[in-house]
Amino acid sequence: MDCVKRRSFSILIRYRMVECCVKPEAC
């Protein structure tokens, strides 16, 4: 997942990164 590498995600928002991948607008 390149979208995950673009930003440093913490463990707390580990699930949130999935939404970012699907919906970048949600980031």
PDB file of N, CA and C in Angstrom:
ATOM      1  N   MET A   1       0.840  -1.205   0.000  1.00  0.00           N
ATOM      2  CA  MET A   1       0.000   0.000   0.000  1.00  0.00           C
ATOM      3  C   MET A   1       0.873   1.252   0.000  1.00  0.00           C
ATOM      4  N   ASP A   2       1.009   1.862  -1.125  1.00  0.00           N
ATOM      5  CA  ASP A   2       1.824   3.072  -1.219  1.00  0.00           C
ATOM      6  C   ASP A   2       1.210   4.203  -0.401  1.00  0.00           C
ATOM      7  N   CYS A   3      -0.106   4.229  -0.334  1.00  0.00           N
ATOM      8  CA  CYS A   3      -0.777   5.308   0.386  1.00  0.00           C
ATOM      9  C   CYS A   3      -0.357   5.304   1.847  1.00  0.00           C
ATOM     10  N   VAL A   4      -0.087   4.110   2.372  1.00  0.00           N
ATOM     11  CA  VAL A   4       0.313   4.015   3.776  1.00  0.00           C
ATOM     12  C   VAL A   4       1.723   4.553   3.959  1.00  0.00           C
ATOM     13  N   LYS A   5       2.586   4.289   2.998  1.00  0.00           N
ATOM     14  CA  LYS A   5       3.976   4.749   3.098  1.00  0.00           C
ATOM     15  C   LYS A   5       4.065   6.265   2.982  1.00  0.00           C
ATOM     16  N   ARG A   6       3.106   6.862   2.316  1.00  0.00           N
ATOM     17  CA  ARG A   6       3.138   8.312   2.121  1.00  0.00           C
ATOM     18  C   ARG A   6       3.082   9.054   3.445  1.00  0.00           C
ATOM     19  N   ARG A   7       2.360   8.525   4.406  1.00  0.00           N
ATOM     20  CA  ARG A   7       2.255   9.205   5.708  1.00  0.00           C
ATOM     21  C   ARG A   7       2.581   8.253   6.842  1.00  0.00           C
ATOM     22  N   SER A   8       3.066   8.776   7.936  1.00  0.00           N
ATOM     23  CA  SER A   8       3.394   7.940   9.093  1.00  0.00           C
ATOM     24  C   SER A   8       2.136   7.704   9.919  1.00  0.00           C
ATOM     25  N   PHE A   9       1.674   6.476   9.897  1.00  0.00           N
ATOM     26  CA  PHE A   9       0.457   6.159  10.653  1.00  0.00           C
ATOM     27  C   PHE A   9       0.802   5.506  11.978  1.00  0.00           C
ATOM     28  N   SER A  10       0.148   5.937  13.019  1.00  0.00           N
ATOM     29  CA  SER A  10       0.386   5.355  14.334  1.00  0.00           C
ATOM     30  C   SER A  10      -0.506   4.130  14.506  1.00  0.00           C
ATOM     31  N   ILE A  11      -0.235   3.360  15.536  1.00  0.00           N
ATOM     32  CA  ILE A  11      -1.011   2.140  15.771  1.00  0.00           C
ATOM     33  C   ILE A  11      -2.467   2.478  16.049  1.00  0.00           C
ATOM     34  N   LEU A  12      -2.697   3.638  16.657  1.00  0.00           N
ATOM     35  CA  LEU A  12      -4.063   4.031  17.006  1.00  0.00           C
ATOM     36  C   LEU A  12      -4.924   4.212  15.764  1.00  0.00           C
ATOM     37  N   ILE A  13      -4.294   4.691  14.687  1.00  0.00           N
ATOM     38  CA  ILE A  13      -5.079   4.912  13.463  1.00  0.00           C
ATOM     39  C   ILE A  13      -4.669   3.907  12.396  1.00  0.00           C
ATOM     40  N   ARG A  14      -4.336   2.720  12.841  1.00  0.00           N
ATOM     41  CA  ARG A  14      -3.907   1.676  11.916  1.00  0.00           C
ATOM     42  C   ARG A  14      -5.071   1.282  11.012  1.00  0.00           C
ATOM     43  N   TYR A  15      -6.257   1.237  11.575  1.00  0.00           N
ATOM     44  CA  TYR A  15      -7.440   0.876  10.782  1.00  0.00           C
ATOM     45  C   TYR A  15      -7.869   2.057   9.931  1.00  0.00           C
ATOM     46  N   ARG A  16      -7.590   3.240  10.419  1.00  0.00           N
ATOM     47  CA  ARG A  16      -7.987   4.461   9.713  1.00  0.00           C
ATOM     48  C   ARG A  16      -7.231   4.585   8.397  1.00  0.00           C
ATOM     49  N   MET A  17      -6.012   4.056   8.345  1.00  0.00           N
ATOM     50  CA  MET A  17      -5.210   4.161   7.124  1.00  0.00           C
ATOM     51  C   MET A  17      -5.888   3.428   5.982  1.00  0.00           C
ATOM     52  N   VAL A  18      -6.674   2.413   6.305  1.00  0.00           N
ATOM     53  CA  VAL A  18      -7.386   1.677   5.261  1.00  0.00           C
ATOM     54  C   VAL A  18      -8.396   2.599   4.604  1.00  0.00           C
ATOM     55  N   GLU A  19      -9.067   3.409   5.427  1.00  0.00           N
ATOM     56  CA  GLU A  19     -10.054   4.349   4.891  1.00  0.00           C
ATOM     57  C   GLU A  19      -9.350   5.392   4.035  1.00  0.00           C
ATOM     58  N   CYS A  20      -8.131   5.750   4.447  1.00  0.00           N
ATOM     59  CA  CYS A  20      -7.364   6.740   3.694  1.00  0.00           C
ATOM     60  C   CYS A  20      -7.035   6.189   2.315  1.00  0.00           C
ATOM     61  N   CYS A  21      -6.732   4.921   2.270  1.00  0.00           N
ATOM     62  CA  CYS A  21      -6.412   4.285   0.987  1.00  0.00           C
ATOM     63  C   CYS A  21      -7.639   4.270   0.088  1.00  0.00           C
ATOM     64  N   VAL A  22      -8.773   3.899   0.665  1.00  0.00           N
ATOM     65  CA  VAL A  22     -10.010   3.827  -0.113  1.00  0.00           C
ATOM     66  C   VAL A  22     -10.560   5.219  -0.378  1.00  0.00           C
ATOM     67  N   LYS A  23     -10.561   6.042   0.673  1.00  0.00           N
ATOM     68  CA  LYS A  23     -11.074   7.415   0.527  1.00  0.00           C
ATOM     69  C   LYS A  23     -10.037   8.426   0.990  1.00  0.00           C
ATOM     70  N   PRO A  24      -9.142   8.850   0.106  1.00  0.00           N
ATOM     71  CA  PRO A  24      -8.106   9.834   0.450  1.00  0.00           C
ATOM     72  C   PRO A  24      -8.716  11.105   1.028  1.00  0.00           C
ATOM     73  N   GLU A  25      -9.940  11.390   0.670  1.00  0.00           N
ATOM     74  CA  GLU A  25     -10.607  12.597   1.160  1.00  0.00           C
ATOM     75  C   GLU A  25     -10.844  12.504   2.666  1.00  0.00           C
ATOM     76  N   ALA A  26     -10.973  11.289   3.172  1.00  0.00           N
ATOM     77  CA  ALA A  26     -11.246  11.092   4.593  1.00  0.00           C
ATOM     78  C   ALA A  26     -10.012  11.403   5.442  1.00  0.00           C
ATOM     79  N   CYS A  27      -8.854  11.387   4.807  1.00  0.00           N
ATOM     80  CA  CYS A  27      -7.622  11.661   5.557  1.00  0.00           C
ATOM     81  C   CYS A  27      -7.666  13.046   6.158  1.00  0.00           C
TER      82      CYS A  27
END
